[in-house]
Amino acid sequence: MKALADSGETGVLPKSISDKMSIDSLETSNALTYLVEKEYAEMINGTSGSKYYLTDLGRQYCINKKIV
């Protein structure tokens, strides 16, 4: 969630999260799927690929947990 929160309104590609957090792309994919299912994040398809953004619920969670 921190990587999504740090990206703000620009969104983030899964590959960028994997690289930034030094985790496997499968782990990243599973985590993003979980966040989308729980409505903490949303996926939007664009010309550069699928980008992920925090939802309002996700932003509120990050604020409450002092992630941002």
Protein backbone atom coordinates (compact mmCIF):
# COMPACT_ATOMS: atom_id res chain seq x y z
CA MET A 1 0.00 0.00 0.00
CA LYS A 2 2.90 2.33 0.68
CA ALA A 3 3.99 2.18 -2.97
CA LEU A 4 0.45 3.04 -4.07
CA ALA A 5 0.21 5.85 -1.52
CA ASP A 6 3.57 7.24 -2.63
CA SER A 7 2.45 7.30 -6.27
CA GLY A 8 -0.46 9.60 -5.46
CA GLU A 9 -2.71 10.43 -8.39
CA THR A 10 -0.27 9.17 -11.02
CA GLY A 11 -0.87 5.50 -10.25
CA VAL A 12 1.76 2.80 -10.39
CA LEU A 13 2.54 -0.16 -12.61
CA PRO A 14 2.95 -3.58 -10.95
CA LYS A 15 6.50 -3.88 -12.35
CA SER A 16 7.43 -0.60 -10.67
CA ILE A 17 6.16 -1.91 -7.33
CA SER A 18 8.13 -5.15 -7.74
CA ASP A 19 11.29 -3.24 -8.56
CA LYS A 20 10.86 -0.62 -5.84
CA MET A 21 10.02 -3.12 -3.10
CA SER A 22 12.42 -5.84 -4.36
CA ILE A 23 9.72 -8.51 -4.39
CA ASP A 24 8.71 -11.12 -6.94
CA SER A 25 6.18 -10.07 -9.58
CA LEU A 26 3.86 -12.92 -8.55
CA GLU A 27 3.81 -11.65 -4.96
CA THR A 28 3.09 -8.16 -6.26
CA SER A 29 0.25 -9.44 -8.42
CA ASN A 30 -1.28 -11.38 -5.52
CA ALA A 31 -1.05 -8.37 -3.20
CA LEU A 32 -2.62 -6.04 -5.76
CA THR A 33 -5.43 -8.54 -6.42
CA TYR A 34 -6.12 -8.66 -2.69
CA LEU A 35 -6.17 -4.87 -2.40
CA VAL A 36 -8.58 -4.59 -5.34
CA GLU A 37 -10.87 -7.27 -3.87
CA LYS A 38 -10.94 -5.43 -0.52
CA GLU A 39 -11.58 -2.14 -2.40
CA TYR A 40 -8.41 -0.49 -1.09
CA ALA A 41 -7.12 -0.12 -4.64
CA GLU A 42 -8.44 0.03 -8.18
CA MET A 43 -6.90 -1.00 -11.48
CA ILE A 44 -7.19 1.17 -14.56
CA ASN A 45 -6.01 0.01 -17.97
CA GLY A 46 -4.11 2.64 -19.91
CA THR A 47 -1.77 2.90 -22.85
CA SER A 48 1.26 2.08 -20.70
CA GLY A 49 -0.46 -0.93 -19.08
CA SER A 50 -2.54 -1.55 -16.00
CA LYS A 51 -1.96 1.04 -13.30
CA TYR A 52 -3.11 0.77 -9.71
CA TYR A 53 -4.41 3.60 -7.56
CA LEU A 54 -5.55 3.80 -3.96
CA THR A 55 -9.27 4.27 -3.50
CA ASP A 56 -10.68 6.64 -0.91
CA LEU A 57 -10.98 3.65 1.43
CA GLY A 58 -7.33 2.77 0.82
CA ARG A 59 -6.19 6.34 1.45
CA GLN A 60 -8.18 6.46 4.69
CA TYR A 61 -6.63 3.16 5.79
CA CYS A 62 -3.13 4.52 5.10
CA ILE A 63 -3.87 7.67 7.09
CA ASN A 64 -5.30 5.68 10.02
CA LYS A 65 -2.30 3.34 10.07
CA LYS A 66 0.13 6.27 9.59
CA ILE A 67 1.52 4.76 6.38
CA VAL A 68 1.51 8.21 4.79
